[in-house]
C-alpha atoms as a PDB file:
ATOM      1  CA  MET A   1      23.954 -10.399  -0.848  1.00  0.00           C
ATOM      2  CA  ARG A   2      21.197  -8.421  -2.545  1.00  0.00           C
ATOM      3  CA  ASP A   3      18.423  -9.854  -0.366  1.00  0.00           C
ATOM      4  CA  GLU A   4      20.616  -9.170   2.729  1.00  0.00           C
ATOM      5  CA  LYS A   5      21.084  -5.518   2.003  1.00  0.00           C
ATOM      6  CA  ALA A   6      17.432  -5.294   1.103  1.00  0.00           C
ATOM      7  CA  GLY A   7      16.457  -6.927   4.347  1.00  0.00           C
ATOM      8  CA  ILE A   8      18.597  -4.470   6.365  1.00  0.00           C
ATOM      9  CA  TYR A   9      17.058  -1.587   4.448  1.00  0.00           C
ATOM     10  CA  ASN A  10      13.550  -2.790   5.075  1.00  0.00           C
ATOM     11  CA  ARG A  11      14.376  -3.057   8.925  1.00  0.00           C
ATOM     12  CA  LYS A  12      15.708   0.389   9.049  1.00  0.00           C
ATOM     13  CA  LEU A  13      12.703   1.767   7.357  1.00  0.00           C
ATOM     14  CA  THR A  14      10.026  -0.244   9.069  1.00  0.00           C
ATOM     15  CA  LEU A  15      10.805   0.715  12.791  1.00  0.00           C
ATOM     16  CA  PRO A  16      10.476   4.380  12.293  1.00  0.00           C
ATOM     17  CA  LEU A  17       7.362   4.028  10.051  1.00  0.00           C
ATOM     18  CA  LEU A  18       5.748   1.970  12.782  1.00  0.00           C
ATOM     19  CA  ILE A  19       6.808   4.373  15.410  1.00  0.00           C
ATOM     20  CA  PHE A  20       5.195   7.259  13.421  1.00  0.00           C
ATOM     21  CA  LEU A  21       2.000   5.300  12.748  1.00  0.00           C
ATOM     22  CA  GLY A  22       1.800   4.535  16.536  1.00  0.00           C
ATOM     23  CA  LEU A  23       2.019   8.220  17.259  1.00  0.00           C
ATOM     24  CA  VAL A  24      -0.634   8.936  14.744  1.00  0.00           C
ATOM     25  CA  ILE A  25      -2.985   6.566  16.416  1.00  0.00           C
ATOM     26  CA  ILE A  26      -2.166   8.075  19.952  1.00  0.00           C
ATOM     27  CA  ALA A  27      -2.830  11.448  18.661  1.00  0.00           C
ATOM     28  CA  MET A  28      -6.197  10.642  17.109  1.00  0.00           C
ATOM     29  CA  ALA A  29      -7.171   8.749  20.520  1.00  0.00           C
ATOM     30  CA  VAL A  30      -6.320  11.961  22.484  1.00  0.00           C
ATOM     31  CA  LEU A  31      -8.389  14.104  20.100  1.00  0.00           C
ATOM     32  CA  ILE A  32     -11.285  11.601  20.585  1.00  0.00           C
ATOM     33  CA  TYR A  33     -10.849  11.866  24.290  1.00  0.00           C
ATOM     34  CA  PHE A  34     -11.239  15.583  24.326  1.00  0.00           C
ATOM     35  CA  GLY A  35     -14.321  15.344  21.883  1.00  0.00           C
ATOM     36  CA  LYS A  36     -12.490  16.984  18.977  1.00  0.00           C
ATOM     37  CA  VAL A  37     -12.869  13.918  16.470  1.00  0.00           C
ATOM     38  CA  SER A  38     -15.477  11.233  16.462  1.00  0.00           C
ATOM     39  CA  GLY A  39     -14.616   7.725  17.177  1.00  0.00           C
ATOM     40  CA  ASP A  40     -15.415   6.530  13.586  1.00  0.00           C
ATOM     41  CA  ALA A  41     -12.422   8.487  12.326  1.00  0.00           C
ATOM     42  CA  LEU A  42     -10.209   6.507  14.595  1.00  0.00           C
ATOM     43  CA  LEU A  43     -11.763   3.249  13.303  1.00  0.00           C
ATOM     44  CA  PHE A  44     -11.211   4.370   9.790  1.00  0.00           C
ATOM     45  CA  LEU A  45      -7.617   5.434  10.437  1.00  0.00           C
ATOM     46  CA  VAL A  46      -6.946   2.000  12.224  1.00  0.00           C
ATOM     47  CA  GLY A  47      -8.384   0.034   9.363  1.00  0.00           C
ATOM     48  CA  ILE A  48      -6.189   1.828   6.663  1.00  0.00           C
ATOM     49  CA  ILE A  49      -3.115   1.350   9.072  1.00  0.00           C
ATOM     50  CA  VAL A  50      -3.824  -2.382   9.486  1.00  0.00           C
ATOM     51  CA  GLY A  51      -4.198  -2.822   5.623  1.00  0.00           C
ATOM     52  CA  TYR A  52      -1.027  -0.853   5.115  1.00  0.00           C
ATOM     53  CA  ILE A  53       0.956  -3.007   7.525  1.00  0.00           C
ATOM     54  CA  MET A  54      -0.519  -6.280   6.087  1.00  0.00           C
ATOM     55  CA  ASN A  55       0.761  -5.025   2.946  1.00  0.00           C
ATOM     56  CA  MET A  56       4.137  -4.072   4.125  1.00  0.00           C
ATOM     57  CA  ILE A  57       4.524  -7.398   5.808  1.00  0.00           C
ATOM     58  CA  GLN A  58       3.537  -9.197   2.459  1.00  0.00           C
ATOM     59  CA  GLY A  59       6.187  -7.305   0.624  1.00  0.00           C
ATOM     60  CA  LEU A  60       8.840  -8.169   3.369  1.00  0.00           C
ATOM     61  CA  LEU A  61       7.988 -11.698   3.131  1.00  0.00           C
ATOM     62  CA  ASN A  62       8.006 -11.977  -0.644  1.00  0.00           C
ATOM     63  CA  SER A  63      11.381 -10.847  -2.055  1.00  0.00           C
ATOM     64  CA  PRO A  64      10.928  -8.691  -5.036  1.00  0.00           C
ATOM     65  CA  TRP A  65      13.811 -10.608  -6.855  1.00  0.00           C
ATOM     66  CA  GLU A  66      12.381 -14.104  -6.619  1.00  0.00           C
ATOM     67  CA  THR A  67      11.071 -15.111  -9.798  1.00  0.00           C
ATOM     68  CA  GLU A  68       8.684 -17.796 -10.590  1.00  0.00           C
ATOM     69  CA  THR A  69       9.710 -20.434 -13.289  1.00  0.00           C
ATOM     70  CA  GLU A  70       7.014 -21.748 -15.515  1.00  0.00           C
ATOM     71  CA  GLU A  71       7.404 -25.231 -16.655  1.00  0.00           C
END
């Protein structure tokens, strides 16, 4: 029950967050197109976002309530 509620919360949080990150990348691409920002800035931003998404996926795959038993 607890994992199910956590999963529902994570899905409700994940979709708006991914939409926001997509909008940020599109905004940066537009600024690069008009020459206001260098391409290195977009590359840096995309690297940070990919790392964040990988960390978020790892958190979704590994339940915080799972405990490892030591024998």
